């Protein structure tokens, strides 16, 4: 498995295994661009991805692959008038379909939502982070606990 940074508008596909320096790669944000970090084997967002805002930078990190992608000046070069978009896959869980979430410069902060579901669009406050796949897994765990408790109470 390898990770690829896709820039949809420009048509760029960057094989990170060929450009990483000490596990890191930096790309300057371009207004209007759509960024995807995908697993070359699945074409989807890696399940361990962590999305973080640090200053004006968007940081995408995979511990498993030892990869950190920095979209430099994501909140500086791009603004309300000319947004950038980072798009991530989220898994399905009971009551919510699989799909994508979008991080951009405007909208509600993701930290204000109790859970992140497909179709959501928002932004990150300084220092905030989230893992798109973990929200779906947390939903499954909560639903599983509820079902186990309900199943065990009958007699």
Foldseek 3Di string as FASTA:
>chain_A
DWKWKAWPVVGDIHGCVVPDDQQEDEAEDDFPTEIEIADPVPRAHDQQWKWAAAPQWIWIDDPVNSHIYIHPRQLNNAEPVGKYKYKHWEPDAVPAHTAIEIEINADAAPVVDPADGHPHYYYHDHGDMDRRHVRRVVVNVVVVVVVVVVVVVDD
